[in-house]
Structure formats: C-alpha cells, structure tokens
Amino acid sequence: SDIVLKQSILETGWYKSNLCKENNNLFGFYYKGEFLKFSCWEESVAYYYRWQTRHFNSECCDDYYDFLVRRGYAEDKEYINKLKSIEI
C-alpha cells in the first residue's frame, strides 16, 4: 500500500539512513533494544508483511493509519502526520 511505502520512506530518510544501507531495515524494527539486520531489503519487507498479518484486523480498523496508532507503531506523536505529508 501507499502507506507502507511512505513508512519505509520516513523510517529510512528516503533510503539514505545507515539503518537502511547497512542493515537493510526499512521499517526500524528492533528486538530487545537492537535494530534487526536483514541480508537484503526484501527480507525487511517480508518481516513487515508477517508482522502486519499477525496484527492487522480490518474489522477493528477500517483505516490503516488508525491501525498504526492503535498498535502504537511509532513513538513519534507526529508519525501519522509525517506519513500523510509524504508525496509519492
């Protein structure tokens, strides 16, 4: 979706961050305080897809932005506004 693409853009600073370049982590996923490392960016997308499949329920949220808020996806209170401001 466009929202997920915007998330990868925001999380990586248009794919320029070290987290993206060195760890192939497009979404800022971390575990036990350490950012996850992927061998290629496709693995990062697959990880996001598995996370989304486990947590997204269209019955609870008809809006994906609302879902991200309810899941507490980002610590930044302006995260959703930042996503909405990205033009692709």
N, C-alpha and C. Protein backbone atom coordinates (compact mmCIF):
# COMPACT_ATOMS: atom_id res chain seq x y z
N SER A 1 0.83 -1.19 0.00
CA SER A 1 0.00 0.00 0.00
C SER A 1 0.87 1.25 0.00
N ASP A 2 0.27 2.36 -0.35
CA ASP A 2 0.99 3.63 -0.34
C ASP A 2 1.46 3.98 1.07
N ILE A 3 0.67 3.64 2.07
CA ILE A 3 1.04 3.97 3.45
C ILE A 3 2.31 3.23 3.85
N VAL A 4 2.40 1.96 3.51
CA VAL A 4 3.59 1.18 3.86
C VAL A 4 4.81 1.72 3.12
N LEU A 5 4.64 2.10 1.86
CA LEU A 5 5.73 2.72 1.12
C LEU A 5 6.17 4.01 1.82
N LYS A 6 5.21 4.82 2.24
CA LYS A 6 5.53 6.05 2.96
C LYS A 6 6.26 5.74 4.27
N GLN A 7 5.87 4.66 4.93
CA GLN A 7 6.56 4.28 6.16
C GLN A 7 8.04 3.99 5.88
N SER A 8 8.31 3.25 4.83
CA SER A 8 9.71 2.92 4.52
C SER A 8 10.49 4.19 4.17
N ILE A 9 9.85 5.13 3.49
CA ILE A 9 10.50 6.40 3.15
C ILE A 9 10.81 7.19 4.41
N LEU A 10 9.83 7.31 5.29
CA LEU A 10 10.02 8.06 6.53
C LEU A 10 11.06 7.40 7.43
N GLU A 11 10.96 6.10 7.59
CA GLU A 11 11.86 5.38 8.50
C GLU A 11 13.32 5.43 8.05
N THR A 12 13.53 5.55 6.75
CA THR A 12 14.90 5.48 6.22
C THR A 12 15.43 6.82 5.72
N GLY A 13 14.62 7.87 5.80
CA GLY A 13 15.05 9.15 5.25
C GLY A 13 15.28 9.05 3.75
N TRP A 14 14.27 8.55 3.07
CA TRP A 14 14.34 8.32 1.62
C TRP A 14 15.48 7.35 1.28
N TYR A 15 15.61 6.30 2.10
CA TYR A 15 16.55 5.18 1.87
C TYR A 15 18.01 5.59 1.98
N LYS A 16 18.27 6.64 2.77
CA LYS A 16 19.64 7.12 2.92
C LYS A 16 20.24 6.83 4.29
N SER A 17 19.44 6.35 5.24
CA SER A 17 19.94 6.13 6.60
C SER A 17 20.90 4.94 6.66
N ASN A 18 21.76 4.96 7.65
CA ASN A 18 22.67 3.83 7.86
C ASN A 18 21.91 2.56 8.17
N LEU A 19 20.79 2.68 8.90
CA LEU A 19 19.98 1.51 9.22
C LEU A 19 19.51 0.82 7.93
N CYS A 20 19.17 1.60 6.96
CA CYS A 20 18.76 1.06 5.66
C CYS A 20 19.95 0.51 4.89
N LYS A 21 20.99 1.32 4.77
CA LYS A 21 22.14 0.94 3.95
C LYS A 21 22.92 -0.24 4.53
N GLU A 22 23.09 -0.27 5.84
CA GLU A 22 23.92 -1.30 6.45
C GLU A 22 23.13 -2.53 6.93
N ASN A 23 21.89 -2.30 7.36
CA ASN A 23 21.10 -3.40 7.92
C ASN A 23 19.93 -3.82 7.04
N ASN A 24 19.70 -3.12 5.94
CA ASN A 24 18.55 -3.40 5.08
C ASN A 24 17.23 -3.38 5.85
N ASN A 25 17.18 -2.58 6.91
CA ASN A 25 15.99 -2.48 7.76
C ASN A 25 15.21 -1.24 7.31
N LEU A 26 14.12 -1.48 6.58
CA LEU A 26 13.34 -0.38 6.01
C LEU A 26 12.30 0.20 6.95
N PHE A 27 12.02 -0.48 8.06
CA PHE A 27 10.91 -0.07 8.91
C PHE A 27 11.30 0.20 10.36
N GLY A 28 12.57 0.19 10.65
CA GLY A 28 13.02 0.48 12.01
C GLY A 28 12.67 -0.58 13.03
N PHE A 29 12.48 -1.81 12.57
CA PHE A 29 12.16 -2.88 13.51
C PHE A 29 13.35 -3.18 14.41
N TYR A 30 13.06 -3.40 15.68
CA TYR A 30 14.10 -3.78 16.62
C TYR A 30 13.56 -4.83 17.59
N TYR A 31 14.47 -5.51 18.24
CA TYR A 31 14.14 -6.57 19.19
C TYR A 31 15.13 -6.49 20.33
N LYS A 32 14.62 -6.44 21.54
CA LYS A 32 15.45 -6.34 22.75
C LYS A 32 16.46 -5.20 22.65
N GLY A 33 15.99 -4.06 22.16
CA GLY A 33 16.82 -2.87 22.10
C GLY A 33 17.82 -2.81 20.96
N GLU A 34 17.83 -3.81 20.10
CA GLU A 34 18.76 -3.85 18.97
C GLU A 34 17.97 -3.81 17.66
N PHE A 35 18.42 -2.96 16.75
CA PHE A 35 17.77 -2.94 15.44
C PHE A 35 18.06 -4.24 14.71
N LEU A 36 17.05 -4.76 14.04
CA LEU A 36 17.20 -6.00 13.29
C LEU A 36 18.05 -5.77 12.05
N LYS A 37 18.79 -6.80 11.68
CA LYS A 37 19.61 -6.76 10.48
C LYS A 37 19.07 -7.78 9.50
N PHE A 38 18.94 -7.37 8.26
CA PHE A 38 18.45 -8.25 7.20
C PHE A 38 19.53 -8.34 6.12
N SER A 39 19.61 -9.47 5.47
CA SER A 39 20.64 -9.63 4.44
C SER A 39 20.30 -8.87 3.16
N CYS A 40 19.01 -8.58 2.96
CA CYS A 40 18.58 -7.79 1.81
C CYS A 40 17.28 -7.08 2.19
N TRP A 41 16.93 -6.05 1.45
CA TRP A 41 15.74 -5.28 1.81
C TRP A 41 14.46 -6.09 1.66
N GLU A 42 14.48 -7.09 0.77
CA GLU A 42 13.28 -7.94 0.59
C GLU A 42 12.93 -8.67 1.88
N GLU A 43 13.96 -9.05 2.65
CA GLU A 43 13.71 -9.70 3.94
C GLU A 43 13.01 -8.75 4.90
N SER A 44 13.38 -7.49 4.86
CA SER A 44 12.74 -6.49 5.71
C SER A 44 11.26 -6.34 5.34
N VAL A 45 10.97 -6.33 4.05
CA VAL A 45 9.58 -6.24 3.59
C VAL A 45 8.81 -7.49 4.01
N ALA A 46 9.42 -8.65 3.88
CA ALA A 46 8.76 -9.90 4.29
C ALA A 46 8.49 -9.91 5.79
N TYR A 47 9.42 -9.39 6.57
CA TYR A 47 9.23 -9.29 8.02
C TYR A 47 8.05 -8.38 8.34
N TYR A 48 7.98 -7.24 7.66
CA TYR A 48 6.86 -6.32 7.85
C TYR A 48 5.55 -7.02 7.50
N TYR A 49 5.55 -7.74 6.41
CA TYR A 49 4.34 -8.45 5.98
C TYR A 49 3.89 -9.46 7.05
N ARG A 50 4.84 -10.20 7.62
CA ARG A 50 4.49 -11.16 8.68
C ARG A 50 3.94 -10.43 9.90
N TRP A 51 4.56 -9.29 10.26
CA TRP A 51 4.08 -8.50 11.39
C TRP A 51 2.66 -8.02 11.12
N GLN A 52 2.45 -7.49 9.91
CA GLN A 52 1.15 -6.97 9.53
C GLN A 52 0.09 -8.08 9.55
N THR A 53 0.42 -9.25 9.05
CA THR A 53 -0.51 -10.37 9.01
C THR A 53 -0.92 -10.79 10.42
N ARG A 54 0.02 -10.75 11.35
CA ARG A 54 -0.28 -11.13 12.74
C ARG A 54 -1.15 -10.09 13.45
N HIS A 55 -0.99 -8.83 13.12
CA HIS A 55 -1.61 -7.78 13.93
C HIS A 55 -2.78 -7.04 13.29
N PHE A 56 -2.83 -6.97 11.97
CA PHE A 56 -3.89 -6.18 11.34
C PHE A 56 -5.18 -6.96 11.28
N ASN A 57 -6.23 -6.30 11.70
CA ASN A 57 -7.57 -6.87 11.66
C ASN A 57 -8.48 -5.80 11.07
N SER A 58 -8.92 -6.01 9.85
CA SER A 58 -9.72 -4.98 9.17
C SER A 58 -11.05 -4.74 9.88
N GLU A 59 -11.47 -5.68 10.73
CA GLU A 59 -12.73 -5.49 11.45
C GLU A 59 -12.60 -4.42 12.53
N CYS A 60 -11.39 -4.30 13.10
CA CYS A 60 -11.20 -3.31 14.17
C CYS A 60 -10.86 -1.94 13.60
N CYS A 61 -10.25 -1.93 12.47
CA CYS A 61 -9.78 -0.66 11.90
C CYS A 61 -10.06 -0.64 10.41
N ASP A 62 -10.84 0.33 9.98
CA ASP A 62 -11.08 0.45 8.55
C ASP A 62 -10.08 1.40 7.90
N ASP A 63 -9.23 1.99 8.72
CA ASP A 63 -8.24 2.95 8.24
C ASP A 63 -6.87 2.47 8.71
N TYR A 64 -5.93 2.31 7.80
CA TYR A 64 -4.61 1.78 8.16
C TYR A 64 -3.85 2.74 9.08
N TYR A 65 -4.04 4.03 8.91
CA TYR A 65 -3.42 4.99 9.82
C TYR A 65 -3.92 4.75 11.25
N ASP A 66 -5.23 4.53 11.38
CA ASP A 66 -5.82 4.25 12.68
C ASP A 66 -5.22 2.97 13.28
N PHE A 67 -5.04 1.97 12.45
CA PHE A 67 -4.41 0.73 12.90
C PHE A 67 -3.02 0.99 13.46
N LEU A 68 -2.21 1.77 12.76
CA LEU A 68 -0.86 2.07 13.23
C LEU A 68 -0.88 2.78 14.58
N VAL A 69 -1.83 3.69 14.75
CA VAL A 69 -1.96 4.39 16.03
C VAL A 69 -2.35 3.40 17.12
N ARG A 70 -3.36 2.57 16.85
CA ARG A 70 -3.83 1.61 17.86
C ARG A 70 -2.75 0.61 18.26
N ARG A 71 -1.91 0.23 17.31
CA ARG A 71 -0.82 -0.71 17.60
C ARG A 71 0.35 -0.03 18.29
N GLY A 72 0.33 1.29 18.34
CA GLY A 72 1.46 2.00 18.93
C GLY A 72 2.71 1.81 18.10
N TYR A 73 2.54 1.84 16.79
CA TYR A 73 3.64 1.52 15.88
C TYR A 73 4.85 2.41 16.07
N ALA A 74 4.64 3.69 16.27
CA ALA A 74 5.77 4.62 16.36
C ALA A 74 5.73 5.40 17.67
N GLU A 75 6.89 5.75 18.15
CA GLU A 75 6.99 6.55 19.37
C GLU A 75 6.73 8.03 19.08
N ASP A 76 6.99 8.46 17.87
CA ASP A 76 6.82 9.86 17.47
C ASP A 76 5.33 10.19 17.38
N LYS A 77 4.90 11.15 18.18
CA LYS A 77 3.48 11.54 18.19
C LYS A 77 3.04 12.14 16.84
N GLU A 78 3.97 12.62 16.06
CA GLU A 78 3.67 13.22 14.76
C GLU A 78 3.83 12.23 13.60
N TYR A 79 4.05 10.97 13.92
CA TYR A 79 4.34 9.95 12.90
C TYR A 79 3.29 9.94 11.79
N ILE A 80 2.03 9.87 12.15
CA ILE A 80 0.95 9.77 11.15
C ILE A 80 0.92 11.04 10.29
N ASN A 81 1.05 12.19 10.93
CA ASN A 81 1.07 13.45 10.15
C ASN A 81 2.25 13.48 9.20
N LYS A 82 3.38 13.00 9.64
CA LYS A 82 4.57 12.94 8.77
C LYS A 82 4.33 12.01 7.59
N LEU A 83 3.69 10.85 7.85
CA LEU A 83 3.38 9.92 6.76
C LEU A 83 2.46 10.59 5.75
N LYS A 84 1.42 11.24 6.25
CA LYS A 84 0.45 11.88 5.37
C LYS A 84 1.05 13.00 4.53
N SER A 85 2.12 13.61 5.02
CA SER A 85 2.73 14.73 4.29
C SER A 85 3.67 14.28 3.18
N ILE A 86 4.03 13.00 3.15
CA ILE A 86 4.94 12.48 2.12
C ILE A 86 4.17 12.32 0.81
N GLU A 87 4.71 12.91 -0.23
CA GLU A 87 4.10 12.78 -1.56
C GLU A 87 4.90 11.80 -2.38
N ILE A 88 4.22 10.80 -2.90
CA ILE A 88 4.90 9.80 -3.73
C ILE A 88 4.29 9.76 -5.12
